[in-house]
């Protein structure tokens, strides 16, 4: 009986060690995306965006009229 118990214990031990070894080896360092330094044009664009206020939303009525089928047919 002890031979079977030793055999089972050995198998369980091997399986557990194998699982632990696989778990620790598979961890991989995450790579971070590096931000590139902005070009002069990009810097200028960002500054202009900050200085110039955003456009106000046009009224819903105007938007619907601009998209109406009758208007689109005339083009």
N, C-alpha and C. Protein backbone atom coordinates (compact mmCIF):
# COMPACT_ATOMS: atom_id res chain seq x y z
N UNK A 1 0.81 -1.20 0.00
CA UNK A 1 0.00 0.00 0.00
C UNK A 1 0.86 1.27 0.00
N UNK A 2 1.93 1.27 0.73
CA UNK A 2 2.75 2.47 0.80
C UNK A 2 3.44 2.76 -0.52
N UNK A 3 3.66 1.71 -1.33
CA UNK A 3 4.28 1.90 -2.64
C UNK A 3 3.35 2.71 -3.54
N UNK A 4 2.05 2.39 -3.47
CA UNK A 4 1.06 3.12 -4.28
C UNK A 4 0.97 4.57 -3.79
N UNK A 5 0.96 4.75 -2.47
CA UNK A 5 0.89 6.09 -1.89
C UNK A 5 2.10 6.92 -2.28
N UNK A 6 3.27 6.30 -2.23
CA UNK A 6 4.49 7.01 -2.63
C UNK A 6 4.45 7.39 -4.11
N UNK A 7 3.94 6.46 -4.93
CA UNK A 7 3.84 6.70 -6.37
C UNK A 7 2.92 7.90 -6.65
N UNK A 8 1.73 7.87 -6.00
CA UNK A 8 0.75 8.96 -6.18
C UNK A 8 1.35 10.28 -5.69
N UNK A 9 2.00 10.23 -4.54
CA UNK A 9 2.61 11.44 -3.98
C UNK A 9 3.67 12.00 -4.94
N UNK A 10 4.47 11.13 -5.54
CA UNK A 10 5.50 11.55 -6.49
C UNK A 10 4.90 12.19 -7.73
N UNK A 11 3.81 11.55 -8.25
CA UNK A 11 3.15 12.08 -9.45
C UNK A 11 2.56 13.46 -9.15
N UNK A 12 1.87 13.58 -8.03
CA UNK A 12 1.25 14.85 -7.65
C UNK A 12 2.33 15.92 -7.48
N UNK A 13 3.42 15.55 -6.85
CA UNK A 13 4.54 16.49 -6.64
C UNK A 13 5.08 16.98 -7.98
N UNK A 14 5.32 16.03 -8.90
CA UNK A 14 5.85 16.40 -10.23
C UNK A 14 4.91 17.33 -10.96
N UNK A 15 3.61 17.01 -10.92
CA UNK A 15 2.61 17.83 -11.63
C UNK A 15 2.58 19.24 -11.05
N UNK A 16 2.57 19.34 -9.73
CA UNK A 16 2.53 20.66 -9.09
C UNK A 16 3.77 21.49 -9.41
N UNK A 17 4.92 20.86 -9.36
CA UNK A 17 6.16 21.59 -9.67
C UNK A 17 6.18 22.04 -11.12
N UNK A 18 5.67 21.17 -12.01
CA UNK A 18 5.62 21.52 -13.43
C UNK A 18 4.71 22.72 -13.66
N UNK A 19 3.55 22.70 -12.97
CA UNK A 19 2.61 23.82 -13.12
C UNK A 19 3.21 25.12 -12.60
N UNK A 20 3.88 25.04 -11.47
CA UNK A 20 4.50 26.25 -10.90
C UNK A 20 5.59 26.78 -11.81
N UNK A 21 6.37 25.87 -12.37
CA UNK A 21 7.46 26.29 -13.25
C UNK A 21 6.90 26.98 -14.50
N UNK A 22 5.82 26.42 -15.06
CA UNK A 22 5.21 27.01 -16.25
C UNK A 22 4.60 28.37 -15.94
N UNK A 23 3.97 28.48 -14.77
CA UNK A 23 3.31 29.73 -14.40
C UNK A 23 4.33 30.85 -14.22
N UNK A 24 5.45 30.53 -13.61
CA UNK A 24 6.43 31.59 -13.35
C UNK A 24 7.19 31.97 -14.61
N UNK A 25 7.37 31.04 -15.53
CA UNK A 25 8.15 31.32 -16.73
C UNK A 25 7.35 32.10 -17.77
N UNK A 26 6.03 31.96 -17.73
CA UNK A 26 5.22 32.57 -18.79
C UNK A 26 4.95 34.05 -18.57
N UNK A 27 5.24 34.55 -17.37
CA UNK A 27 5.00 35.97 -17.11
C UNK A 27 5.95 36.79 -17.96
N UNK A 28 5.41 37.79 -18.59
CA UNK A 28 6.21 38.60 -19.50
C UNK A 28 6.03 40.07 -19.16
N UNK A 29 7.10 40.81 -19.26
CA UNK A 29 7.03 42.23 -18.93
C UNK A 29 6.17 42.95 -19.96
N UNK A 30 5.29 43.82 -19.49
CA UNK A 30 4.44 44.58 -20.41
C UNK A 30 5.26 45.69 -21.03
N UNK A 31 5.05 45.87 -22.31
CA UNK A 31 5.76 46.94 -22.99
C UNK A 31 4.90 48.19 -22.99
N UNK A 32 5.51 49.30 -22.70
CA UNK A 32 4.79 50.57 -22.70
C UNK A 32 5.00 51.25 -24.04
N UNK A 33 3.95 51.90 -24.49
CA UNK A 33 4.08 52.67 -25.73
C UNK A 33 4.82 53.95 -25.39
N UNK A 34 5.86 54.21 -26.12
CA UNK A 34 6.61 55.44 -25.89
C UNK A 34 6.03 56.54 -26.75
N UNK A 35 5.80 57.67 -26.13
CA UNK A 35 5.26 58.80 -26.88
C UNK A 35 6.42 59.48 -27.61
N UNK A 36 6.20 59.73 -28.87
CA UNK A 36 7.23 60.41 -29.64
C UNK A 36 7.17 61.90 -29.34
N UNK A 37 8.28 62.56 -29.47
CA UNK A 37 8.30 64.00 -29.22
C UNK A 37 7.56 64.69 -30.37
N UNK A 38 6.66 65.61 -30.04
CA UNK A 38 5.87 66.25 -31.09
C UNK A 38 6.72 67.15 -31.98
N UNK A 39 6.35 67.17 -33.25
CA UNK A 39 7.06 68.03 -34.20
C UNK A 39 6.61 69.47 -34.01
N UNK A 40 7.27 70.37 -34.69
CA UNK A 40 6.94 71.80 -34.56
C UNK A 40 5.51 72.05 -35.02
N UNK A 41 5.12 71.39 -36.11
CA UNK A 41 3.75 71.58 -36.63
C UNK A 41 2.71 71.09 -35.62
N UNK A 42 3.00 69.95 -34.98
CA UNK A 42 2.07 69.42 -33.98
C UNK A 42 1.97 70.35 -32.79
N UNK A 43 3.09 70.88 -32.35
CA UNK A 43 3.08 71.81 -31.21
C UNK A 43 2.24 73.03 -31.52
N UNK A 44 2.42 73.55 -32.73
CA UNK A 44 1.67 74.73 -33.16
C UNK A 44 0.16 74.43 -33.18
N UNK A 45 -0.17 73.26 -33.72
CA UNK A 45 -1.58 72.85 -33.81
C UNK A 45 -2.20 72.76 -32.42
N UNK A 46 -1.45 72.19 -31.48
CA UNK A 46 -1.96 72.07 -30.11
C UNK A 46 -2.18 73.43 -29.47
N UNK A 47 -1.23 74.34 -29.69
CA UNK A 47 -1.37 75.68 -29.14
C UNK A 47 -2.56 76.40 -29.74
N UNK A 48 -2.74 76.28 -31.07
CA UNK A 48 -3.88 76.93 -31.72
C UNK A 48 -5.20 76.38 -31.20
N UNK A 49 -5.24 75.08 -30.98
CA UNK A 49 -6.45 74.46 -30.49
C UNK A 49 -6.80 74.99 -29.10
N UNK A 50 -5.77 75.24 -28.28
CA UNK A 50 -6.01 75.76 -26.94
C UNK A 50 -6.47 77.21 -26.99
N UNK A 51 -5.93 78.00 -27.92
CA UNK A 51 -6.25 79.42 -28.00
C UNK A 51 -7.62 79.65 -28.63
N UNK A 52 -7.86 78.96 -29.76
CA UNK A 52 -9.12 79.17 -30.48
C UNK A 52 -10.24 78.37 -29.82
N UNK A 53 -11.33 79.04 -29.46
CA UNK A 53 -12.42 78.29 -28.81
C UNK A 53 -13.11 77.35 -29.80
N UNK A 54 -13.75 76.32 -29.27
CA UNK A 54 -14.46 75.34 -30.11
C UNK A 54 -15.68 75.99 -30.73
N UNK A 55 -16.06 75.49 -31.91
CA UNK A 55 -17.25 76.03 -32.58
C UNK A 55 -18.49 75.68 -31.79
N UNK A 56 -19.44 76.59 -31.76
CA UNK A 56 -20.71 76.32 -31.11
C UNK A 56 -21.52 75.39 -31.99
N UNK A 57 -22.31 74.54 -31.38
CA UNK A 57 -23.13 73.62 -32.15
C UNK A 57 -24.28 74.38 -32.80
N UNK A 58 -24.51 74.12 -34.10
CA UNK A 58 -25.62 74.79 -34.78
C UNK A 58 -26.92 74.19 -34.29
N UNK A 59 -27.98 74.95 -34.47
CA UNK A 59 -29.28 74.48 -33.99
C UNK A 59 -29.69 73.22 -34.73
N UNK A 60 -30.48 72.41 -34.09
CA UNK A 60 -30.95 71.15 -34.67
C UNK A 60 -31.73 71.40 -35.95
N UNK A 61 -32.54 72.46 -35.94
CA UNK A 61 -33.37 72.76 -37.10
C UNK A 61 -32.50 73.01 -38.34
N UNK A 62 -31.44 73.82 -38.17
CA UNK A 62 -30.55 74.12 -39.29
C UNK A 62 -29.87 72.85 -39.80
N UNK A 63 -29.46 72.01 -38.88
CA UNK A 63 -28.77 70.77 -39.26
C UNK A 63 -29.70 69.87 -40.04
N UNK A 64 -30.95 69.73 -39.57
CA UNK A 64 -31.92 68.86 -40.24
C UNK A 64 -32.23 69.39 -41.64
N UNK A 65 -32.37 70.70 -41.76
CA UNK A 65 -32.65 71.30 -43.07
C UNK A 65 -31.50 71.05 -44.04
N UNK A 66 -30.27 71.21 -43.54
CA UNK A 66 -29.09 71.02 -44.38
C UNK A 66 -29.00 69.59 -44.89
N UNK A 67 -29.53 68.66 -44.12
CA UNK A 67 -29.46 67.25 -44.52
C UNK A 67 -30.71 66.75 -45.21
N UNK A 68 -31.68 67.63 -45.43
CA UNK A 68 -32.95 67.17 -45.97
C UNK A 68 -32.79 66.63 -47.39
N UNK A 69 -33.71 65.74 -47.79
CA UNK A 69 -33.63 65.10 -49.11
C UNK A 69 -33.79 66.12 -50.23
N UNK A 70 -34.69 67.08 -50.02
CA UNK A 70 -34.92 68.10 -51.05
C UNK A 70 -33.63 68.86 -51.35
N UNK A 71 -32.88 69.19 -50.29
CA UNK A 71 -31.62 69.91 -50.48
C UNK A 71 -30.61 69.04 -51.21
N UNK A 72 -30.56 67.76 -50.84
CA UNK A 72 -29.56 66.87 -51.44
C UNK A 72 -29.86 66.63 -52.93
N UNK A 73 -31.13 66.69 -53.29
CA UNK A 73 -31.51 66.48 -54.70
C UNK A 73 -31.02 67.62 -55.58
N UNK A 74 -30.95 68.82 -55.01
CA UNK A 74 -30.55 69.98 -55.81
C UNK A 74 -29.08 69.97 -56.20
N UNK A 75 -28.27 69.17 -55.53
CA UNK A 75 -26.84 69.14 -55.86
C UNK A 75 -26.56 68.39 -57.13
